[in-house]
Amino acid sequence: MRRSDLGEFEEVVLLAVAVLSPKAYSVVIAEELERETNQTVSTGAVHAALQRLEQKGYLTSYLGEATAERGGRRKRLFTVTALGGRIMSEVHLVRNRMWERIIPTIRLEWS
């Protein structure tokens, strides 16, 4: 893993952007996280995480077309950069390796 500069919430936001791309913006990301976690997620928290991820170079954004449903406002759409994709892969590999090292009987006690 590169460094521990990817927090847990940032990680799930990054994953949500990858899942929802190319139509990932703060409102649909918050909805996706609420659906997956069954917890309330504010768009403000998602927006702050998106800004941090973009500053770290894991995401890039652009303004989409203006829509009538948003009163002519444009959405800021996010996509995962190559660096963000590499970080996601590294985190995934580390987690998988650690899960595979858990003794099987312990896994059975959790279910």
N, C-alpha and C. Protein backbone atom coordinates (compact mmCIF):
# COMPACT_ATOMS: atom_id res chain seq x y z
N MET A 1 0.85 -1.17 0.00
CA MET A 1 0.00 0.00 0.00
C MET A 1 0.90 1.23 0.00
N ARG A 2 0.49 2.23 -0.69
CA ARG A 2 1.29 3.44 -0.88
C ARG A 2 1.58 4.11 0.45
N ARG A 3 0.63 4.69 1.05
CA ARG A 3 0.67 5.31 2.36
C ARG A 3 -0.73 5.22 2.91
N SER A 4 -0.86 5.50 4.18
CA SER A 4 -2.20 5.42 4.74
C SER A 4 -2.92 6.76 4.58
N ASP A 5 -2.85 7.35 3.40
CA ASP A 5 -3.51 8.64 3.18
C ASP A 5 -4.91 8.48 2.58
N LEU A 6 -5.42 7.25 2.59
CA LEU A 6 -6.77 7.00 2.09
C LEU A 6 -7.61 6.52 3.26
N GLY A 7 -8.48 7.40 3.75
CA GLY A 7 -9.34 7.05 4.86
C GLY A 7 -10.43 6.09 4.42
N GLU A 8 -11.10 5.47 5.40
CA GLU A 8 -12.14 4.49 5.08
C GLU A 8 -13.28 5.11 4.27
N PHE A 9 -13.74 6.28 4.68
CA PHE A 9 -14.84 6.91 3.95
C PHE A 9 -14.39 7.30 2.55
N GLU A 10 -13.17 7.82 2.45
CA GLU A 10 -12.64 8.15 1.12
C GLU A 10 -12.56 6.91 0.24
N GLU A 11 -12.19 5.79 0.83
CA GLU A 11 -12.10 4.55 0.06
C GLU A 11 -13.47 4.16 -0.53
N VAL A 12 -14.52 4.22 0.27
CA VAL A 12 -15.83 3.83 -0.25
C VAL A 12 -16.36 4.86 -1.25
N VAL A 13 -16.02 6.12 -1.05
CA VAL A 13 -16.42 7.14 -2.04
C VAL A 13 -15.69 6.88 -3.35
N LEU A 14 -14.40 6.56 -3.28
CA LEU A 14 -13.63 6.25 -4.49
C LEU A 14 -14.23 5.04 -5.21
N LEU A 15 -14.59 4.02 -4.44
CA LEU A 15 -15.23 2.83 -5.03
C LEU A 15 -16.56 3.20 -5.69
N ALA A 16 -17.34 4.04 -5.02
CA ALA A 16 -18.64 4.44 -5.58
C ALA A 16 -18.46 5.21 -6.89
N VAL A 17 -17.45 6.05 -6.95
CA VAL A 17 -17.19 6.78 -8.21
C VAL A 17 -16.87 5.78 -9.31
N ALA A 18 -16.06 4.77 -9.00
CA ALA A 18 -15.73 3.76 -10.01
C ALA A 18 -16.97 3.00 -10.46
N VAL A 19 -17.85 2.68 -9.52
CA VAL A 19 -19.08 1.94 -9.84
C VAL A 19 -20.02 2.80 -10.70
N LEU A 20 -20.13 4.08 -10.37
CA LEU A 20 -21.12 4.95 -11.02
C LEU A 20 -20.59 5.67 -12.26
N SER A 21 -19.31 5.60 -12.49
CA SER A 21 -18.72 6.30 -13.63
C SER A 21 -19.37 5.87 -14.94
N PRO A 22 -19.66 6.77 -15.84
CA PRO A 22 -19.26 8.17 -15.92
C PRO A 22 -20.30 9.15 -15.38
N LYS A 23 -21.28 8.66 -14.61
CA LYS A 23 -22.33 9.55 -14.11
C LYS A 23 -22.23 9.73 -12.60
N ALA A 24 -21.00 9.83 -12.08
CA ALA A 24 -20.80 9.96 -10.64
C ALA A 24 -20.76 11.42 -10.23
N TYR A 25 -21.73 11.83 -9.42
CA TYR A 25 -21.71 13.15 -8.81
C TYR A 25 -22.21 13.00 -7.37
N SER A 26 -22.04 14.02 -6.56
CA SER A 26 -22.19 13.88 -5.10
C SER A 26 -23.53 13.28 -4.67
N VAL A 27 -24.62 13.70 -5.28
CA VAL A 27 -25.94 13.21 -4.85
C VAL A 27 -26.09 11.70 -5.11
N VAL A 28 -25.75 11.24 -6.29
CA VAL A 28 -25.91 9.81 -6.60
C VAL A 28 -24.89 8.96 -5.83
N ILE A 29 -23.72 9.55 -5.53
CA ILE A 29 -22.73 8.82 -4.73
C ILE A 29 -23.28 8.63 -3.31
N ALA A 30 -23.86 9.68 -2.73
CA ALA A 30 -24.45 9.57 -1.38
C ALA A 30 -25.57 8.54 -1.39
N GLU A 31 -26.41 8.54 -2.43
CA GLU A 31 -27.50 7.57 -2.52
C GLU A 31 -26.95 6.14 -2.62
N GLU A 32 -25.89 5.96 -3.41
CA GLU A 32 -25.29 4.63 -3.56
C GLU A 32 -24.72 4.15 -2.22
N LEU A 33 -24.04 5.03 -1.50
CA LEU A 33 -23.47 4.65 -0.21
C LEU A 33 -24.56 4.32 0.81
N GLU A 34 -25.65 5.09 0.78
CA GLU A 34 -26.76 4.79 1.69
C GLU A 34 -27.37 3.43 1.37
N ARG A 35 -27.51 3.12 0.10
CA ARG A 35 -28.08 1.84 -0.33
C ARG A 35 -27.16 0.69 0.11
N GLU A 36 -25.86 0.86 -0.04
CA GLU A 36 -24.93 -0.22 0.27
C GLU A 36 -24.66 -0.38 1.77
N THR A 37 -24.73 0.72 2.53
CA THR A 37 -24.37 0.64 3.95
C THR A 37 -25.58 0.70 4.88
N ASN A 38 -26.74 1.05 4.37
CA ASN A 38 -27.95 1.24 5.19
C ASN A 38 -27.72 2.30 6.26
N GLN A 39 -26.90 3.28 5.95
CA GLN A 39 -26.66 4.39 6.86
C GLN A 39 -26.86 5.70 6.10
N THR A 40 -27.29 6.72 6.84
CA THR A 40 -27.47 8.03 6.23
C THR A 40 -26.11 8.62 5.88
N VAL A 41 -25.99 9.13 4.67
CA VAL A 41 -24.75 9.74 4.19
C VAL A 41 -25.10 11.12 3.65
N SER A 42 -24.48 12.16 4.18
CA SER A 42 -24.79 13.51 3.72
C SER A 42 -24.02 13.83 2.44
N THR A 43 -24.64 14.60 1.58
CA THR A 43 -23.95 15.00 0.36
C THR A 43 -22.77 15.91 0.69
N GLY A 44 -22.87 16.65 1.82
CA GLY A 44 -21.75 17.51 2.23
C GLY A 44 -20.51 16.69 2.56
N ALA A 45 -20.71 15.56 3.26
CA ALA A 45 -19.57 14.69 3.59
C ALA A 45 -18.98 14.08 2.32
N VAL A 46 -19.85 13.69 1.40
CA VAL A 46 -19.37 13.13 0.12
C VAL A 46 -18.61 14.19 -0.66
N HIS A 47 -19.17 15.40 -0.69
CA HIS A 47 -18.53 16.48 -1.43
C HIS A 47 -17.13 16.76 -0.87
N ALA A 48 -16.98 16.79 0.46
CA ALA A 48 -15.67 17.04 1.09
C ALA A 48 -14.70 15.91 0.73
N ALA A 49 -15.17 14.67 0.76
CA ALA A 49 -14.31 13.53 0.41
C ALA A 49 -13.89 13.60 -1.06
N LEU A 50 -14.82 13.99 -1.92
CA LEU A 50 -14.50 14.13 -3.34
C LEU A 50 -13.40 15.17 -3.56
N GLN A 51 -13.51 16.28 -2.84
CA GLN A 51 -12.48 17.32 -2.96
C GLN A 51 -11.12 16.81 -2.51
N ARG A 52 -11.09 16.09 -1.37
CA ARG A 52 -9.81 15.54 -0.88
C ARG A 52 -9.24 14.54 -1.88
N LEU A 53 -10.08 13.68 -2.41
CA LEU A 53 -9.61 12.67 -3.36
C LEU A 53 -9.09 13.32 -4.64
N GLU A 54 -9.73 14.40 -5.05
CA GLU A 54 -9.27 15.10 -6.24
C GLU A 54 -7.93 15.79 -5.96
N GLN A 55 -7.77 16.36 -4.76
CA GLN A 55 -6.50 17.00 -4.39
C GLN A 55 -5.36 15.98 -4.33
N LYS A 56 -5.67 14.75 -3.94
CA LYS A 56 -4.66 13.69 -3.87
C LYS A 56 -4.34 13.10 -5.25
N GLY A 57 -5.13 13.47 -6.24
CA GLY A 57 -4.90 12.99 -7.60
C GLY A 57 -5.57 11.67 -7.91
N TYR A 58 -6.50 11.23 -7.04
CA TYR A 58 -7.19 9.94 -7.25
C TYR A 58 -8.43 10.11 -8.13
N LEU A 59 -8.93 11.32 -8.22
CA LEU A 59 -10.11 11.62 -9.02
C LEU A 59 -9.85 12.83 -9.89
N THR A 60 -10.62 12.92 -10.95
CA THR A 60 -10.66 14.15 -11.74
C THR A 60 -12.12 14.49 -11.96
N SER A 61 -12.41 15.75 -12.23
CA SER A 61 -13.81 16.14 -12.41
C SER A 61 -13.96 17.10 -13.57
N TYR A 62 -15.18 17.18 -14.04
CA TYR A 62 -15.52 18.13 -15.09
C TYR A 62 -16.99 18.49 -14.92
N LEU A 63 -17.40 19.62 -15.50
CA LEU A 63 -18.79 20.03 -15.42
C LEU A 63 -19.57 19.42 -16.57
N GLY A 64 -20.70 18.75 -16.23
CA GLY A 64 -21.57 18.18 -17.24
C GLY A 64 -22.48 19.24 -17.82
N GLU A 65 -23.38 18.80 -18.66
CA GLU A 65 -24.32 19.72 -19.30
C GLU A 65 -25.35 20.23 -18.30
N ALA A 66 -25.84 21.44 -18.52
CA ALA A 66 -26.91 21.99 -17.70
C ALA A 66 -28.20 21.23 -17.98
N THR A 67 -28.97 20.99 -16.92
CA THR A 67 -30.24 20.27 -17.11
C THR A 67 -31.39 21.10 -16.54
N ALA A 68 -32.58 20.91 -17.14
CA ALA A 68 -33.76 21.63 -16.67
C ALA A 68 -34.15 21.19 -15.26
N GLU A 69 -33.96 19.89 -14.95
CA GLU A 69 -34.34 19.37 -13.63
C GLU A 69 -33.52 20.03 -12.52
N ARG A 70 -32.35 20.54 -12.84
CA ARG A 70 -31.51 21.23 -11.85
C ARG A 70 -31.57 22.74 -12.04
N GLY A 71 -32.59 23.22 -12.72
CA GLY A 71 -32.76 24.66 -12.90
C GLY A 71 -31.66 25.29 -13.74
N GLY A 72 -31.15 24.51 -14.68
CA GLY A 72 -30.11 25.03 -15.57
C GLY A 72 -28.70 24.91 -15.00
N ARG A 73 -28.58 24.36 -13.78
CA ARG A 73 -27.25 24.20 -13.18
C ARG A 73 -26.57 22.95 -13.75
N ARG A 74 -25.27 22.96 -13.72
CA ARG A 74 -24.49 21.84 -14.23
C ARG A 74 -24.01 20.97 -13.07
N LYS A 75 -23.88 19.67 -13.34
CA LYS A 75 -23.37 18.74 -12.33
C LYS A 75 -21.86 18.64 -12.48
N ARG A 76 -21.15 18.50 -11.34
CA ARG A 76 -19.73 18.19 -11.38
C ARG A 76 -19.59 16.68 -11.34
N LEU A 77 -19.11 16.11 -12.43
CA LEU A 77 -18.99 14.66 -12.57
C LEU A 77 -17.56 14.23 -12.29
N PHE A 78 -17.41 13.08 -11.64
CA PHE A 78 -16.09 12.60 -11.20
C PHE A 78 -15.75 11.28 -11.87
N THR A 79 -14.47 11.10 -12.17
CA THR A 79 -13.97 9.82 -12.68
C THR A 79 -12.67 9.49 -11.94
N VAL A 80 -12.37 8.22 -11.88
CA VAL A 80 -11.16 7.75 -11.20
C VAL A 80 -9.97 7.91 -12.15
N THR A 81 -8.87 8.46 -11.62
CA THR A 81 -7.65 8.61 -12.43
C THR A 81 -6.86 7.29 -12.42
N ALA A 82 -5.81 7.23 -13.21
CA ALA A 82 -4.96 6.03 -13.22
C ALA A 82 -4.35 5.81 -11.84
N LEU A 83 -3.90 6.90 -11.18
CA LEU A 83 -3.37 6.79 -9.82
C LEU A 83 -4.43 6.27 -8.86
N GLY A 84 -5.63 6.80 -8.97
CA GLY A 84 -6.73 6.33 -8.12
C GLY A 84 -7.03 4.86 -8.35
N GLY A 85 -6.97 4.42 -9.59
CA GLY A 85 -7.18 3.00 -9.90
C GLY A 85 -6.10 2.12 -9.30
N ARG A 86 -4.86 2.60 -9.35
CA ARG A 86 -3.77 1.81 -8.75
C ARG A 86 -3.93 1.72 -7.23
N ILE A 87 -4.32 2.82 -6.61
CA ILE A 87 -4.53 2.82 -5.15
C ILE A 87 -5.66 1.86 -4.79
N MET A 88 -6.76 1.90 -5.57
CA MET A 88 -7.87 0.98 -5.30
C MET A 88 -7.41 -0.47 -5.41
N SER A 89 -6.61 -0.79 -6.42
CA SER A 89 -6.11 -2.16 -6.59
C SER A 89 -5.21 -2.57 -5.43
N GLU A 90 -4.32 -1.66 -5.00
CA GLU A 90 -3.43 -1.97 -3.88
C GLU A 90 -4.22 -2.23 -2.60
N VAL A 91 -5.19 -1.39 -2.32
CA VAL A 91 -6.02 -1.57 -1.12
C VAL A 91 -6.77 -2.89 -1.20
N HIS A 92 -7.31 -3.20 -2.36
CA HIS A 92 -8.04 -4.46 -2.56
C HIS A 92 -7.13 -5.66 -2.31
N LEU A 93 -5.91 -5.64 -2.84
CA LEU A 93 -4.97 -6.74 -2.66
C LEU A 93 -4.59 -6.92 -1.19
N VAL A 94 -4.30 -5.82 -0.50
CA VAL A 94 -3.94 -5.90 0.92
C VAL A 94 -5.07 -6.50 1.72
N ARG A 95 -6.27 -6.02 1.49
CA ARG A 95 -7.43 -6.54 2.23
C ARG A 95 -7.64 -8.02 1.94
N ASN A 96 -7.56 -8.41 0.69
CA ASN A 96 -7.74 -9.83 0.33
C ASN A 96 -6.69 -10.71 0.98
N ARG A 97 -5.43 -10.27 0.95
CA ARG A 97 -4.36 -11.08 1.58
C ARG A 97 -4.63 -11.26 3.07
N MET A 98 -5.05 -10.20 3.73
CA MET A 98 -5.32 -10.31 5.17
C MET A 98 -6.53 -11.18 5.45
N TRP A 99 -7.59 -11.07 4.65
CA TRP A 99 -8.77 -11.92 4.84
C TRP A 99 -8.41 -13.39 4.64
N GLU A 100 -7.54 -13.68 3.69
CA GLU A 100 -7.16 -15.06 3.41
C GLU A 100 -6.33 -15.66 4.54
N ARG A 101 -5.71 -14.83 5.37
CA ARG A 101 -4.88 -15.32 6.47
C ARG A 101 -5.68 -15.60 7.74
N ILE A 102 -6.94 -15.22 7.78
CA ILE A 102 -7.76 -15.48 8.96
C ILE A 102 -8.04 -16.97 9.03
N ILE A 103 -7.88 -17.52 10.22
CA ILE A 103 -8.10 -18.95 10.41
C ILE A 103 -9.56 -19.26 10.11
N PRO A 104 -9.82 -20.29 9.30
CA PRO A 104 -11.20 -20.60 8.91
C PRO A 104 -12.17 -20.77 10.07
N THR A 105 -11.76 -21.34 11.20
CA THR A 105 -12.71 -21.53 12.31
C THR A 105 -13.18 -20.20 12.87
N ILE A 106 -12.32 -19.19 12.82
CA ILE A 106 -12.74 -17.87 13.30
C ILE A 106 -13.81 -17.31 12.38
N ARG A 107 -13.64 -17.51 11.07
CA ARG A 107 -14.66 -17.03 10.13
C ARG A 107 -16.02 -17.66 10.44
N LEU A 108 -16.02 -18.95 10.80
CA LEU A 108 -17.28 -19.64 11.08
C LEU A 108 -17.97 -19.06 12.31
N GLU A 109 -17.19 -18.62 13.30
CA GLU A 109 -17.78 -18.05 14.50
C GLU A 109 -18.51 -16.74 14.22
N TRP A 110 -18.12 -16.03 13.17
CA TRP A 110 -18.76 -14.76 12.84
C TRP A 110 -20.09 -14.94 12.14
N SER A 111 -20.28 -16.08 11.49
CA SER A 111 -21.53 -16.24 10.71
C SER A 111 -22.65 -16.81 11.53
